[in-house]
Amino acid sequence: MDRLSTCFSAKLRGRTILVIHPAWHTCGSHRVFCSQATAYRALGAKVISLAVGPTLLHYSLNKPVWNEYYEKSSDLLVDERLHTGPSRSALFRPQSTSLVLKLLSANYAEQMAGLSALSPLPSRLRSLCANREISLIHCNHFFNMPAALRVKKGSGAPIILETHDVQAKQYELRNVASFFRRRRDSFETLLETELAFCRSADYLVHINADENAFFASKLPEKQHALLYPCVRHPLKENSEEFFLIVASANHPNYLSVRWFLDSVVPLVPDLNLKIVGNIDHEFRDRAPSLYNAFKDAFVGSVTNLDWFYGNAAAVLLPTVAGHGLSIKTVEALLSGQKIIATPLALRGIASDVRRTPDLYISETATDFAFQMKKLSTSSSSGNRRRKNGHDEAGQLTQPDDKKRLARELMLKEFSFQHYLQSLANIVDEVLRGTRSDPPAAAHGSCEAGGHRRDPRQTVEAQNELKI
């Protein structure tokens, strides 16, 4: 544990933090959830995660769905893992009739929150609430607020809501329709619902500068904080001759990669491309002919993303759709590799990252292809001159001062140390004036080797409906 972590390690000792999040994996949001858990444990807290099923298929007794989720999210290191999802039996209970009828005609944002409202709190969590052992609730995404509010009602703990972009903008981009009636609601209607749930939180946290400014203008009566996520920064290894795209399976990524394959690739002959992430599923479903044409380029999900960042000749960010901070942009900037990006890839970052010497911003497909061909030529000649950071004479090459300063700037903004200190300040502000008496029994060390409850032992016993 570094000196800063040691300094903060006793800050939340004896307290229990509940992190509520969608049951997502292999995506940028999941990496943010992991950062939250790691930081709270570094602050000395016991951390419990509650994964909330984001679809009707995520009812809590659907073992195949939840087993897959736990297997693919094993890097979420907490003290206990719980899960819940929409209860099928709730649909037929008299006390839920009015809620169900309302959801049938609700807008999409209300229906997403309704899934959380229909998800029972696990019995383990109800026990913690009854004993008032929860000190703080860190809720991710507005649509999980119904679950967070039930925990608050039982425990008295305040709620930090991390908004993860303006979801109404994401819904508008995806042109989503409400369940059952397939109605498409206006941006204003969706935003009104989102803001209503945001108002019920005690404190709002935002992960990019644009999002922070937007919510602060819409909800000036609430407390807001900008908290950039921290991500790992892979070390550069031996550059090979492939270009790298990292993309998880979502609609903006599909539109961006499709633009690249349709508009840029035809302009770059003999392209060695690797597309890493489960975006391949989107192309199999939406564009099978295009998937088959580039089948060799789609790598799929990988266990060691660092290797690809470390060995690529350059990282490509062909972003043409999306809102909010892009986690893969932050990872690329911290990788130390050359980057070719569209302007939209840099959205939500307040720092002047355009000073980074190895960042090439391209506004058109023609310019994007030109930069790729230019890098291919320089990379080939550069690899002949040096290997493993040494020139032909065997002397260690020194990084350019501008490049070093730009990288230091990014590390400062997105480092774990910066994240930890910022989160500690937010928690201080939230807990100030709230119930501050931690449970008498200490929860032990926050080190990774501490006791962790097997998440699967809660699959059946803990998910009786109690809305």
Protein backbone atom coordinates (compact mmCIF):
# COMPACT_ATOMS: atom_id res chain seq x y z
CA MET A 1 0.00 0.00 0.00
CA ASP A 2 1.48 3.39 -1.02
CA ARG A 3 1.90 6.34 1.33
CA LEU A 4 -1.28 8.12 0.27
CA SER A 5 -3.36 4.96 0.65
CA THR A 6 -1.86 4.40 4.11
CA CYS A 7 -2.75 7.99 5.05
CA PHE A 8 -6.41 7.41 4.16
CA SER A 9 -6.70 3.76 5.23
CA ALA A 10 -8.38 4.52 8.56
CA LYS A 11 -10.82 7.11 7.20
CA LEU A 12 -13.78 4.72 6.83
CA ARG A 13 -12.63 1.93 9.14
CA GLY A 14 -15.60 0.35 10.90
CA ARG A 15 -18.04 1.54 8.24
CA THR A 16 -19.87 -0.47 5.58
CA ILE A 17 -20.35 0.97 2.11
CA LEU A 18 -22.96 -0.42 -0.27
CA VAL A 19 -22.15 -0.01 -3.98
CA ILE A 20 -25.25 -0.47 -6.15
CA HIS A 21 -24.66 -0.95 -9.87
CA PRO A 22 -26.14 -2.56 -13.00
CA ALA A 23 -25.09 -6.17 -13.54
CA TRP A 24 -22.78 -5.24 -16.42
CA HIS A 25 -19.35 -6.66 -17.23
CA THR A 26 -16.61 -6.25 -19.86
CA CYS A 27 -17.38 -2.57 -20.40
CA GLY A 28 -16.09 0.82 -19.28
CA SER A 29 -18.81 1.23 -16.64
CA HIS A 30 -17.80 -2.05 -15.00
CA ARG A 31 -14.23 -0.78 -14.69
CA VAL A 32 -15.59 2.31 -12.92
CA PHE A 33 -17.47 0.06 -10.46
CA CYS A 34 -14.20 -1.79 -9.78
CA SER A 35 -12.42 1.51 -9.10
CA GLN A 36 -15.12 2.54 -6.62
CA ALA A 37 -14.85 -0.71 -4.69
CA THR A 38 -11.05 -0.62 -4.62
CA ALA A 39 -11.02 2.98 -3.41
CA TYR A 40 -13.54 2.43 -0.63
CA ARG A 41 -11.57 -0.58 0.61
CA ALA A 42 -8.38 1.50 0.51
CA LEU A 43 -10.20 4.01 2.73
CA GLY A 44 -10.70 1.22 5.27
CA ALA A 45 -14.36 0.42 4.63
CA LYS A 46 -16.07 -2.91 4.28
CA VAL A 47 -17.60 -2.92 0.79
CA ILE A 48 -20.72 -4.79 -0.29
CA SER A 49 -21.84 -4.71 -3.90
CA LEU A 50 -25.44 -5.13 -5.07
CA ALA A 51 -25.72 -5.95 -8.77
CA VAL A 52 -29.17 -5.08 -10.10
CA GLY A 53 -30.42 -6.93 -13.16
CA PRO A 54 -30.99 -4.49 -16.05
CA THR A 55 -33.45 -6.67 -17.99
CA LEU A 56 -36.47 -8.88 -17.30
CA LEU A 57 -34.23 -11.90 -17.90
CA HIS A 58 -32.18 -10.98 -14.82
CA TYR A 59 -34.67 -12.30 -12.28
CA SER A 60 -32.62 -13.41 -9.32
CA LEU A 61 -33.17 -17.17 -9.65
CA ASN A 62 -32.01 -17.29 -13.29
CA LYS A 63 -28.83 -19.19 -12.48
CA PRO A 64 -27.28 -19.29 -15.99
CA VAL A 65 -27.53 -15.52 -16.36
CA TRP A 66 -26.11 -14.77 -12.92
CA ASN A 67 -23.40 -17.43 -13.07
CA GLU A 68 -22.18 -15.91 -16.33
CA TYR A 69 -22.23 -12.45 -14.76
CA TYR A 70 -20.17 -13.54 -11.75
CA GLU A 71 -17.66 -15.36 -13.95
CA LYS A 72 -17.13 -12.33 -16.20
CA SER A 73 -16.95 -9.80 -13.36
CA SER A 74 -14.55 -11.62 -11.04
CA ASP A 75 -12.28 -8.55 -11.00
CA LEU A 76 -14.84 -6.68 -8.85
CA LEU A 77 -13.06 -7.10 -5.51
CA VAL A 78 -15.39 -6.47 -2.58
CA ASP A 79 -16.07 -8.10 0.78
CA GLU A 80 -19.50 -9.44 -0.16
CA ARG A 81 -21.33 -9.66 -3.48
CA LEU A 82 -25.12 -9.71 -3.66
CA HIS A 83 -27.49 -9.53 -6.60
CA THR A 84 -31.12 -8.99 -7.40
CA GLY A 85 -33.36 -8.61 -10.41
CA PRO A 86 -37.00 -8.06 -11.39
CA SER A 87 -39.19 -10.54 -9.57
CA ARG A 88 -41.68 -12.38 -11.75
CA SER A 89 -43.91 -13.17 -8.79
CA ALA A 90 -44.18 -9.45 -8.02
CA LEU A 91 -46.14 -8.95 -11.20
CA PHE A 92 -49.02 -10.97 -9.77
CA ARG A 93 -49.06 -9.72 -6.18
CA PRO A 94 -51.88 -7.35 -5.18
CA GLN A 95 -49.51 -4.84 -3.54
CA SER A 96 -47.63 -4.48 -6.84
CA THR A 97 -50.67 -4.08 -9.13
CA SER A 98 -50.63 -0.27 -9.22
CA LEU A 99 -46.88 -0.17 -9.93
CA VAL A 100 -47.16 -2.74 -12.73
CA LEU A 101 -50.09 -0.90 -14.35
CA LYS A 102 -48.18 2.36 -14.19
CA LEU A 103 -45.10 0.80 -15.79
CA LEU A 104 -47.11 -0.55 -18.71
CA SER A 105 -47.78 2.99 -19.94
CA ALA A 106 -44.61 4.64 -18.57
CA ASN A 107 -41.78 6.14 -20.61
CA TYR A 108 -38.57 4.18 -21.15
CA ALA A 109 -36.66 5.92 -18.33
CA GLU A 110 -39.48 5.19 -15.86
CA GLN A 111 -39.56 1.56 -16.99
CA MET A 112 -35.80 1.16 -16.48
CA ALA A 113 -36.23 2.47 -12.93
CA GLY A 114 -39.24 0.18 -12.59
CA LEU A 115 -37.01 -2.87 -13.05
CA SER A 116 -35.11 -1.76 -9.95
CA ALA A 117 -38.38 -1.11 -8.11
CA LEU A 118 -39.51 -4.68 -8.85
CA SER A 119 -36.20 -6.15 -7.67
CA PRO A 120 -36.28 -7.49 -4.08
CA LEU A 121 -33.57 -6.59 -1.60
CA PRO A 122 -31.62 -9.75 -0.66
CA SER A 123 -32.31 -10.96 2.88
CA ARG A 124 -28.65 -10.34 3.81
CA LEU A 125 -29.05 -6.69 2.84
CA ARG A 126 -32.35 -6.36 4.68
CA SER A 127 -30.61 -7.63 7.80
CA LEU A 128 -27.84 -5.05 7.42
CA CYS A 129 -30.47 -2.33 7.05
CA ALA A 130 -32.39 -3.51 10.12
CA ASN A 131 -29.18 -3.36 12.18
CA ARG A 132 -28.33 0.03 10.62
CA GLU A 133 -24.93 -1.24 9.54
CA ILE A 134 -24.88 0.54 6.18
CA SER A 135 -23.04 3.87 6.49
CA LEU A 136 -23.18 5.07 2.89
CA ILE A 137 -24.88 4.05 -0.37
CA HIS A 138 -22.99 4.66 -3.62
CA CYS A 139 -25.59 4.21 -6.36
CA ASN A 140 -24.59 4.01 -10.02
CA HIS A 141 -27.12 5.27 -12.62
CA PHE A 142 -30.42 6.98 -11.85
CA PHE A 143 -32.49 3.89 -12.69
CA ASN A 144 -31.12 2.06 -9.65
CA MET A 145 -32.37 4.76 -7.29
CA PRO A 146 -35.56 2.82 -6.31
CA ALA A 147 -33.33 0.11 -4.79
CA ALA A 148 -31.07 2.73 -3.17
CA LEU A 149 -34.04 4.56 -1.65
CA ARG A 150 -35.34 1.34 -0.07
CA VAL A 151 -31.94 0.76 1.50
CA LYS A 152 -31.86 4.35 2.73
CA LYS A 153 -35.33 3.97 4.25
CA GLY A 154 -34.19 0.92 6.21
CA SER A 155 -30.69 2.06 7.15
CA GLY A 156 -30.78 5.85 7.28
CA ALA A 157 -27.64 5.98 5.13
CA PRO A 158 -27.15 8.88 2.68
CA ILE A 159 -26.97 8.27 -1.07
CA ILE A 160 -24.23 9.32 -3.47
CA LEU A 161 -25.58 8.98 -7.03
CA GLU A 162 -22.98 8.64 -9.78
CA THR A 163 -24.81 9.62 -12.94
CA HIS A 164 -22.54 8.15 -15.66
CA ASP A 165 -23.51 10.68 -18.33
CA VAL A 166 -26.97 12.06 -19.14
CA GLN A 167 -28.86 8.84 -19.77
CA ALA A 168 -31.67 10.64 -21.63
CA LYS A 169 -29.10 11.55 -24.30
CA GLN A 170 -28.06 7.92 -24.58
CA TYR A 171 -31.68 6.82 -24.92
CA GLU A 172 -32.27 9.44 -27.61
CA LEU A 173 -29.14 8.32 -29.49
CA ARG A 174 -30.30 4.70 -29.41
CA ASN A 175 -33.83 5.74 -30.40
CA VAL A 176 -35.22 3.50 -27.67
CA ALA A 177 -38.90 2.65 -27.40
CA SER A 178 -40.83 1.88 -24.24
CA PHE A 179 -41.56 -1.75 -23.43
CA PHE A 180 -44.86 -3.26 -24.53
CA ARG A 181 -46.31 -0.20 -26.32
CA ARG A 182 -43.12 0.54 -28.28
CA ARG A 183 -43.60 4.29 -27.87
CA ARG A 184 -40.66 6.65 -28.43
CA ASP A 185 -40.70 9.48 -25.93
CA SER A 186 -39.11 12.89 -26.36
CA PHE A 187 -35.73 13.77 -24.89
CA GLU A 188 -37.46 16.27 -22.58
CA THR A 189 -39.78 13.58 -21.18
CA LEU A 190 -36.93 11.15 -20.56
CA LEU A 191 -34.78 13.87 -18.98
CA GLU A 192 -37.61 14.94 -16.66
CA THR A 193 -37.79 11.40 -15.28
CA GLU A 194 -34.01 11.18 -14.90
CA LEU A 195 -33.80 14.50 -13.05
CA ALA A 196 -36.62 13.50 -10.71
CA PHE A 197 -34.62 10.49 -9.52
CA CYS A 198 -31.45 12.59 -9.27
CA ARG A 199 -33.24 14.98 -6.91
CA SER A 200 -33.86 12.15 -4.46
CA ALA A 201 -30.11 11.54 -3.96
CA ASP A 202 -28.13 13.36 -1.27
CA TYR A 203 -25.11 14.08 -3.46
CA LEU A 204 -24.45 13.85 -7.21
CA VAL A 205 -21.14 12.72 -8.72
CA HIS A 206 -20.32 13.05 -12.42
CA ILE A 207 -17.48 11.44 -14.38
CA ASN A 208 -16.84 14.13 -16.99
CA ALA A 209 -16.77 17.91 -17.19
CA ASP A 210 -19.65 18.33 -19.66
CA GLU A 211 -21.94 16.10 -17.60
CA ASN A 212 -21.04 17.97 -14.42
CA ALA A 213 -21.90 21.33 -15.98
CA PHE A 214 -25.17 20.00 -17.41
CA PHE A 215 -26.51 18.55 -14.17
CA ALA A 216 -25.32 21.53 -12.12
CA SER A 217 -27.34 23.82 -14.39
CA LYS A 218 -30.46 21.63 -14.21
CA LEU A 219 -30.27 20.91 -10.47
CA PRO A 220 -28.58 23.95 -8.88
CA GLU A 221 -30.06 23.10 -5.48
CA LYS A 222 -28.09 19.83 -5.28
CA GLN A 223 -24.44 19.28 -4.38
CA HIS A 224 -22.31 18.19 -7.35
CA ALA A 225 -18.76 16.92 -7.77
CA LEU A 226 -16.65 16.07 -10.81
CA LEU A 227 -14.87 12.77 -10.17
CA TYR A 228 -12.87 11.47 -13.10
CA PRO A 229 -12.64 7.65 -12.98
CA CYS A 230 -9.27 6.04 -12.50
CA VAL A 231 -8.23 3.34 -14.94
CA ARG A 232 -5.20 1.15 -15.27
CA HIS A 233 -2.41 2.45 -17.48
CA PRO A 234 -0.68 -0.43 -19.28
CA LEU A 235 3.05 -0.34 -19.82
CA LYS A 236 4.33 -0.17 -23.35
CA GLU A 237 6.09 -3.32 -24.52
CA ASN A 238 7.31 -4.24 -28.01
CA SER A 239 5.28 -2.48 -30.71
CA GLU A 240 4.04 -4.78 -33.44
CA GLU A 241 2.50 -3.82 -36.74
CA PHE A 242 -1.20 -3.84 -35.85
CA PHE A 243 -3.68 -1.08 -35.21
CA LEU A 244 -5.91 -1.54 -32.18
CA ILE A 245 -9.56 -0.69 -31.59
CA VAL A 246 -11.09 -1.49 -28.19
CA ALA A 247 -14.90 -1.56 -28.09
CA SER A 248 -17.58 -3.14 -25.93
CA ALA A 249 -21.02 -4.09 -27.24
CA ASN A 250 -23.13 -0.94 -27.26
CA HIS A 251 -24.85 1.09 -29.97
CA PRO A 252 -22.46 4.09 -30.14
CA ASN A 253 -19.48 1.73 -30.42
CA TYR A 254 -21.25 -0.21 -33.17
CA LEU A 255 -21.89 2.99 -35.14
CA SER A 256 -18.27 4.11 -34.67
CA VAL A 257 -16.62 0.84 -35.67
CA ARG A 258 -19.01 0.48 -38.60
CA TRP A 259 -18.05 3.98 -39.83
CA PHE A 260 -14.40 2.97 -39.59
CA LEU A 261 -14.89 -0.30 -41.51
CA ASP A 262 -17.09 1.30 -44.17
CA SER A 263 -15.30 4.62 -44.67
CA VAL A 264 -11.69 4.37 -43.50
CA VAL A 265 -10.55 0.81 -44.14
CA PRO A 266 -11.08 0.96 -47.94
CA LEU A 267 -8.55 3.83 -47.99
CA VAL A 268 -5.83 1.88 -46.15
CA PRO A 269 -4.37 -1.06 -48.09
CA ASP A 270 -2.88 -4.11 -46.34
CA LEU A 271 -4.28 -3.14 -42.95
CA ASN A 272 -3.35 -5.23 -39.92
CA LEU A 273 -6.24 -4.56 -37.54
CA LYS A 274 -7.33 -6.03 -34.21
CA ILE A 275 -10.75 -5.13 -32.77
CA VAL A 276 -10.82 -6.21 -29.13
CA GLY A 277 -13.95 -6.48 -26.99
CA ASN A 278 -17.39 -8.01 -27.28
CA ILE A 279 -18.43 -5.59 -30.03
CA ASP A 280 -18.15 -8.63 -32.30
CA HIS A 281 -21.55 -9.76 -30.96
CA GLU A 282 -23.15 -6.54 -32.23
CA PHE A 283 -21.76 -7.11 -35.72
CA ARG A 284 -22.81 -10.76 -35.77
CA ASP A 285 -26.37 -9.70 -34.98
CA ARG A 286 -26.67 -6.40 -36.87
CA ALA A 287 -24.31 -6.74 -39.84
CA PRO A 288 -23.38 -10.40 -40.43
CA SER A 289 -22.00 -9.77 -43.91
CA LEU A 290 -19.69 -7.03 -42.63
CA TYR A 291 -18.65 -9.26 -39.72
CA ASN A 292 -17.75 -12.07 -42.12
CA ALA A 293 -15.72 -9.67 -44.28
CA PHE A 294 -13.61 -8.65 -41.25
CA LYS A 295 -13.89 -11.83 -39.23
CA ASP A 296 -10.12 -12.13 -38.78
CA ALA A 297 -9.92 -8.63 -37.27
CA PHE A 298 -12.50 -9.28 -34.52
CA VAL A 299 -10.62 -10.69 -31.54
CA GLY A 300 -13.56 -10.69 -29.10
CA SER A 301 -13.26 -10.39 -25.33
CA VAL A 302 -9.79 -10.94 -23.87
CA THR A 303 -8.43 -11.54 -20.38
CA ASN A 304 -5.29 -9.43 -20.87
CA LEU A 305 -6.18 -6.13 -22.50
CA ASP A 306 -2.87 -4.65 -21.34
CA TRP A 307 -0.97 -6.85 -23.79
CA PHE A 308 -2.87 -5.42 -26.74
CA TYR A 309 -2.34 -1.83 -25.59
CA GLY A 310 1.33 -2.54 -25.00
CA ASN A 311 2.02 -4.22 -28.33
CA ALA A 312 -0.04 -2.17 -30.79
CA ALA A 313 1.61 0.15 -33.27
CA ALA A 314 -1.16 2.66 -32.52
CA VAL A 315 -4.58 2.85 -30.87
CA LEU A 316 -7.52 4.00 -33.00
CA LEU A 317 -10.48 5.94 -31.57
CA PRO A 318 -12.86 6.34 -34.55
CA THR A 319 -15.69 7.71 -32.41
CA VAL A 320 -18.65 9.14 -34.36
CA ALA A 321 -21.43 8.64 -31.76
CA GLY A 322 -21.84 8.74 -28.01
CA HIS A 323 -22.09 11.05 -25.03
CA GLY A 324 -20.01 11.45 -21.88
CA LEU A 325 -16.49 10.41 -20.99
CA SER A 326 -15.09 7.44 -22.91
CA ILE A 327 -13.14 5.09 -20.63
CA LYS A 328 -11.29 3.59 -23.59
CA THR A 329 -10.05 7.09 -24.52
CA VAL A 330 -8.56 7.52 -21.06
CA GLU A 331 -6.94 4.07 -21.26
CA ALA A 332 -5.49 4.86 -24.68
CA LEU A 333 -4.06 8.18 -23.51
CA LEU A 334 -2.42 6.50 -20.53
CA SER A 335 -1.01 3.64 -22.60
CA GLY A 336 1.80 5.76 -24.03
CA GLN A 337 0.95 4.62 -27.55
CA LYS A 338 0.33 6.71 -30.62
CA ILE A 339 -3.36 7.53 -31.03
CA ILE A 340 -5.49 8.51 -34.00
CA ALA A 341 -8.84 9.86 -32.86
CA THR A 342 -11.88 11.75 -34.03
CA PRO A 343 -12.69 14.93 -32.06
CA LEU A 344 -15.71 13.24 -30.43
CA ALA A 345 -13.43 10.66 -28.79
CA LEU A 346 -12.10 13.42 -26.50
CA ARG A 347 -15.52 14.48 -25.22
CA GLY A 348 -15.93 15.19 -21.53
CA ILE A 349 -12.23 15.71 -20.73
CA ALA A 350 -11.47 19.16 -19.37
CA SER A 351 -7.67 18.81 -19.59
CA ASP A 352 -5.95 20.07 -22.71
CA VAL A 353 -5.05 16.60 -23.92
CA ARG A 354 -4.49 17.93 -27.44
CA ARG A 355 -1.01 18.87 -26.24
CA THR A 356 -0.09 15.18 -26.28
CA PRO A 357 2.46 14.86 -29.12
CA ASP A 358 1.40 11.35 -30.14
CA LEU A 359 -2.29 12.23 -30.46
CA TYR A 360 -3.48 12.80 -34.03
CA ILE A 361 -6.99 14.23 -34.35
CA SER A 362 -8.76 13.52 -37.63
CA GLU A 363 -12.14 14.95 -38.54
CA THR A 364 -12.72 13.01 -41.78
CA ALA A 365 -12.30 9.44 -42.98
CA THR A 366 -9.72 10.61 -45.54
CA ASP A 367 -7.58 12.30 -42.90
CA PHE A 368 -7.96 9.33 -40.54
CA ALA A 369 -6.67 6.99 -43.26
CA PHE A 370 -3.83 9.40 -44.10
CA GLN A 371 -2.65 9.44 -40.47
CA MET A 372 -2.77 5.64 -40.33
CA LYS A 373 -0.64 5.29 -43.47
CA LYS A 374 1.76 7.89 -42.14
CA LEU A 375 2.12 6.05 -38.83
CA SER A 376 2.59 2.73 -40.61
CA THR A 377 5.55 4.16 -42.51
CA SER A 378 7.16 5.83 -39.49
CA SER A 379 6.55 2.79 -37.27
CA SER A 380 8.28 0.45 -39.71
CA SER A 381 11.37 2.64 -39.97
CA GLY A 382 11.36 3.33 -36.24
CA ASN A 383 11.31 -0.36 -35.38
CA ARG A 384 14.38 -0.90 -37.52
CA ARG A 385 16.24 1.85 -35.63
CA ARG A 386 15.34 0.82 -32.10
CA LYS A 387 14.09 -2.11 -30.11
CA ASN A 388 12.93 -2.21 -26.51
CA GLY A 389 13.72 1.50 -26.11
CA HIS A 390 17.31 1.27 -27.44
CA ASP A 391 18.77 2.77 -30.59
CA GLU A 392 21.06 0.97 -33.05
CA ALA A 393 24.08 1.64 -30.81
CA GLY A 394 22.34 0.10 -27.83
CA GLN A 395 21.81 3.44 -26.02
CA LEU A 396 18.58 3.90 -24.10
CA THR A 397 16.34 6.39 -25.91
CA GLN A 398 14.93 9.26 -23.83
CA PRO A 399 11.27 10.24 -24.03
CA ASP A 400 10.44 13.63 -25.47
CA ASP A 401 9.92 16.23 -22.71
CA LYS A 402 6.55 17.32 -24.13
CA LYS A 403 5.40 13.72 -24.29
CA ARG A 404 6.51 13.10 -20.71
CA LEU A 405 4.75 16.23 -19.40
CA ALA A 406 1.54 15.38 -21.25
CA ARG A 407 1.56 11.86 -19.86
CA GLU A 408 2.20 13.20 -16.34
CA LEU A 409 -0.83 15.46 -16.75
CA MET A 410 -3.02 12.50 -17.70
CA LEU A 411 -1.68 10.40 -14.84
CA LYS A 412 -2.45 13.20 -12.40
CA GLU A 413 -6.04 13.55 -13.63
CA PHE A 414 -6.81 9.82 -13.82
CA SER A 415 -4.49 8.22 -11.27
CA PHE A 416 -5.77 6.11 -8.40
CA GLN A 417 -4.14 8.49 -5.91
CA HIS A 418 -6.06 11.45 -7.33
CA TYR A 419 -9.28 9.44 -7.41
CA LEU A 420 -8.82 8.24 -3.82
CA GLN A 421 -8.24 11.73 -2.45
CA SER A 422 -11.19 13.19 -4.38
CA LEU A 423 -13.53 10.40 -3.25
CA ALA A 424 -12.40 10.83 0.36
CA ASN A 425 -13.26 14.54 0.18
CA ILE A 426 -16.72 13.77 -1.24
CA VAL A 427 -17.44 11.17 1.43
CA ASP A 428 -16.36 13.62 4.13
CA GLU A 429 -18.83 16.17 2.80
CA VAL A 430 -21.68 13.64 2.49
CA LEU A 431 -21.22 12.12 5.96
CA ARG A 432 -20.81 15.48 7.65
CA GLY A 433 -23.93 16.03 9.73
CA THR A 434 -25.32 12.51 9.12
CA ARG A 435 -25.39 9.53 11.48
CA SER A 436 -21.70 8.99 12.23
CA ASP A 437 -21.65 6.14 14.71
CA PRO A 438 -20.08 3.10 13.02
CA PRO A 439 -20.94 -0.41 14.17
CA ALA A 440 -19.11 -1.50 17.30
CA ALA A 441 -17.58 -4.56 15.66
CA ALA A 442 -14.61 -3.84 13.44
CA HIS A 443 -14.66 -5.27 9.94
CA GLY A 444 -10.97 -6.06 9.71
CA SER A 445 -8.40 -5.20 7.10
CA CYS A 446 -9.23 -3.83 3.67
CA GLU A 447 -6.43 -5.84 2.09
CA ALA A 448 -7.37 -8.13 -0.80
CA GLY A 449 -6.59 -11.20 1.29
CA GLY A 450 -9.40 -10.45 3.76
CA HIS A 451 -12.51 -12.56 4.10
CA ARG A 452 -14.86 -12.52 1.11
CA ARG A 453 -18.25 -14.20 1.17
CA ASP A 454 -18.91 -16.54 -1.74
CA PRO A 455 -21.41 -14.64 -3.91
CA ARG A 456 -23.10 -17.78 -5.15
CA GLN A 457 -24.26 -18.82 -1.71
CA THR A 458 -26.83 -16.01 -1.93
CA VAL A 459 -28.30 -17.04 -5.29
CA GLU A 460 -31.41 -18.76 -3.94
CA ALA A 461 -31.82 -18.00 -0.27
CA GLN A 462 -31.53 -14.23 -0.27
CA ASN A 463 -33.89 -13.10 -2.99
CA GLU A 464 -37.43 -13.43 -1.65
CA LEU A 465 -39.54 -10.50 -2.79
CA LYS A 466 -39.85 -7.66 -0.32
CA ILE A 467 -40.39 -4.35 -2.14
